[in-house]
Amino acid sequence: MNSPEQPLPTFDEVLLCTPQTSAEQVGLFLRRCLIPCPGGNKIYTMLYADELSYDVSCRAEELFQRLQCYNSSYRLIILCNCERENSYLPSAFSHYKVHMIPQRSQAEMQQYLQHHFRVAQPCGSAAAVFKEHMCVGIVSSKRAGMGK
């Protein structure tokens, strides 16, 4: 985010974890992160790692321990809910823990995201629905099930 021209992460750099995320999915992700390949300056991110099941978390830690010797310059970020930081995977990686304070203001981050998510020519696209021709948007309600 140092410049508006820096790209957003690609699909292979992010793993959004849920309780249904399989050990195979986590394994493929860790292999992409830890096995060196050409053009390997990517930053890999596991989101909501605290949501992984105990079995998947154990297998992920074992695989990480086996693979990290192949690449000493990997870049992996594991994000979790601070209320669930005592679940298996966040606990297993707690010695790597770094408390982060955002280096950019919320306005700067929003501006960066708007730069990347704005549709240049909204000709008949769904972007016409969202504010300022954005191709993504968040629809929320205080009342569940109200037809969002």
Protein backbone atom coordinates (compact mmCIF):
# COMPACT_ATOMS: atom_id res chain seq x y z
CA MET A 1 0.00 0.00 0.00
CA ASN A 2 3.00 2.30 -0.35
CA SER A 3 1.68 3.51 -3.68
CA PRO A 4 -1.75 3.38 -5.32
CA GLU A 5 -0.19 1.41 -8.16
CA GLN A 6 0.78 -1.51 -5.91
CA PRO A 7 -1.60 -4.36 -6.76
CA LEU A 8 -4.02 -6.04 -4.40
CA PRO A 9 -3.15 -9.60 -3.35
CA THR A 10 -3.95 -12.24 -5.95
CA PHE A 11 -6.19 -15.25 -5.31
CA ASP A 12 -3.23 -17.53 -4.61
CA GLU A 13 -1.83 -15.25 -1.88
CA VAL A 14 -4.86 -15.34 0.43
CA LEU A 15 -6.55 -18.22 2.22
CA LEU A 16 -9.85 -17.37 3.90
CA CYS A 17 -10.23 -20.02 6.58
CA THR A 18 -13.53 -21.40 7.84
CA PRO A 19 -14.34 -24.42 10.01
CA GLN A 20 -14.85 -26.31 6.70
CA THR A 21 -11.39 -25.49 5.30
CA SER A 22 -9.64 -28.79 4.61
CA ALA A 23 -6.11 -29.83 5.48
CA GLU A 24 -5.47 -30.19 1.75
CA GLN A 25 -6.40 -26.55 1.10
CA VAL A 26 -4.14 -25.36 3.92
CA GLY A 27 -1.36 -27.65 2.70
CA LEU A 28 -1.51 -26.30 -0.85
CA PHE A 29 -1.44 -22.76 0.50
CA LEU A 30 1.57 -23.43 2.75
CA ARG A 31 3.43 -25.12 -0.11
CA ARG A 32 2.89 -22.05 -2.30
CA CYS A 33 4.22 -19.89 0.51
CA LEU A 34 7.17 -21.98 1.68
CA ILE A 35 8.54 -23.70 -1.43
CA PRO A 36 10.65 -21.19 -3.40
CA CYS A 37 9.67 -20.49 -6.98
CA PRO A 38 10.47 -17.82 -9.58
CA GLY A 39 8.75 -14.51 -8.87
CA GLY A 40 8.38 -15.42 -5.21
CA ASN A 41 8.11 -11.94 -3.68
CA LYS A 42 4.53 -12.47 -2.63
CA ILE A 43 3.09 -11.92 0.83
CA TYR A 44 0.82 -14.82 1.82
CA THR A 45 -2.02 -14.28 4.27
CA MET A 46 -4.20 -16.74 6.17
CA LEU A 47 -7.35 -14.96 7.34
CA TYR A 48 -9.29 -16.26 10.36
CA ALA A 49 -6.80 -19.06 11.03
CA ASP A 50 -8.47 -19.47 14.44
CA GLU A 51 -11.51 -20.89 12.60
CA LEU A 52 -9.63 -24.01 11.44
CA SER A 53 -10.55 -27.29 13.10
CA TYR A 54 -8.14 -28.79 15.61
CA ASP A 55 -7.13 -31.60 13.24
CA VAL A 56 -6.49 -29.26 10.31
CA SER A 57 -4.54 -26.88 12.57
CA CYS A 58 -2.30 -29.70 13.84
CA ARG A 59 -1.59 -30.90 10.32
CA ALA A 60 -0.88 -27.33 9.18
CA GLU A 61 1.64 -26.82 11.96
CA GLU A 62 3.39 -30.12 11.17
CA LEU A 63 3.59 -29.23 7.48
CA PHE A 64 4.89 -25.75 8.27
CA GLN A 65 7.65 -27.24 10.46
CA ARG A 66 8.67 -29.61 7.64
CA LEU A 67 8.59 -27.01 4.85
CA GLN A 68 10.06 -23.91 6.44
CA CYS A 69 13.60 -25.26 5.98
CA TYR A 70 13.17 -24.91 2.18
CA ASN A 71 12.71 -21.16 2.28
CA SER A 72 14.17 -18.85 4.90
CA SER A 73 12.71 -15.73 3.26
CA TYR A 74 9.02 -16.67 3.17
CA ARG A 75 6.47 -13.98 3.98
CA LEU A 76 3.44 -15.34 5.80
CA ILE A 77 0.85 -13.42 7.78
CA ILE A 78 -1.63 -15.27 9.95
CA LEU A 79 -4.58 -13.16 11.07
CA CYS A 80 -7.05 -14.27 13.69
CA ASN A 81 -9.76 -12.92 15.92
CA CYS A 82 -8.10 -11.59 19.09
CA GLU A 83 -10.91 -13.17 21.13
CA ARG A 84 -9.89 -16.62 19.79
CA GLU A 85 -6.10 -16.25 19.93
CA ASN A 86 -5.94 -19.26 22.28
CA SER A 87 -7.15 -21.66 19.59
CA TYR A 88 -4.59 -24.13 18.25
CA LEU A 89 -2.92 -22.44 15.30
CA PRO A 90 -2.57 -18.94 16.82
CA SER A 91 -1.15 -20.58 19.97
CA ALA A 92 1.29 -22.71 17.97
CA PHE A 93 2.63 -19.63 16.18
CA SER A 94 2.47 -17.29 19.19
CA HIS A 95 6.28 -17.00 19.40
CA TYR A 96 6.14 -15.27 15.98
CA LYS A 97 3.40 -12.89 17.14
CA VAL A 98 3.72 -9.23 16.19
CA HIS A 99 1.18 -6.68 17.36
CA MET A 100 0.44 -4.39 14.46
CA ILE A 101 -0.68 -0.81 14.52
CA PRO A 102 -1.94 0.43 11.14
CA GLN A 103 0.63 2.71 9.55
CA ARG A 104 -1.93 4.41 7.34
CA SER A 105 -5.09 6.25 8.27
CA GLN A 106 -8.48 4.73 7.55
CA ALA A 107 -9.04 7.40 4.87
CA GLU A 108 -5.78 6.46 3.10
CA MET A 109 -6.69 2.76 3.15
CA GLN A 110 -10.16 3.50 1.79
CA GLN A 111 -8.67 5.63 -0.97
CA TYR A 112 -6.27 2.83 -1.92
CA LEU A 113 -9.09 0.28 -2.09
CA GLN A 114 -11.31 2.66 -4.06
CA HIS A 115 -8.51 3.08 -6.59
CA HIS A 116 -8.43 -0.68 -7.19
CA PHE A 117 -12.16 -1.44 -6.99
CA ARG A 118 -13.52 1.41 -9.13
CA VAL A 119 -14.94 0.42 -12.53
CA ALA A 120 -13.66 2.81 -15.21
CA GLN A 121 -16.62 2.50 -17.58
CA PRO A 122 -19.71 1.16 -15.73
CA CYS A 123 -21.58 0.20 -18.89
CA GLY A 124 -24.36 -2.04 -17.70
CA SER A 125 -22.33 -3.65 -14.90
CA ALA A 126 -23.33 -4.30 -11.32
CA ALA A 127 -20.95 -1.49 -10.36
CA ALA A 128 -23.71 0.95 -11.25
CA VAL A 129 -25.49 -0.23 -8.09
CA PHE A 130 -22.66 0.59 -5.71
CA LYS A 131 -21.59 4.04 -4.63
CA GLU A 132 -19.04 5.79 -6.88
CA HIS A 133 -18.97 2.90 -9.42
CA MET A 134 -17.24 0.42 -7.10
CA CYS A 135 -17.21 -3.23 -8.25
CA VAL A 136 -17.55 -4.40 -4.63
CA GLY A 137 -19.74 -3.30 -1.79
CA ILE A 138 -20.96 -4.35 1.62
CA VAL A 139 -24.64 -4.69 2.31
CA SER A 140 -25.53 -4.98 5.96
CA SER A 141 -28.52 -4.69 8.25
CA LYS A 142 -29.06 -4.58 11.97
CA ARG A 143 -31.94 -7.01 11.43
CA ALA A 144 -31.12 -10.45 10.07
CA GLY A 145 -32.95 -11.92 7.09
CA MET A 146 -34.38 -8.71 5.70
CA GLY A 147 -33.79 -9.55 2.03
CA LYS A 148 -30.24 -8.33 1.51
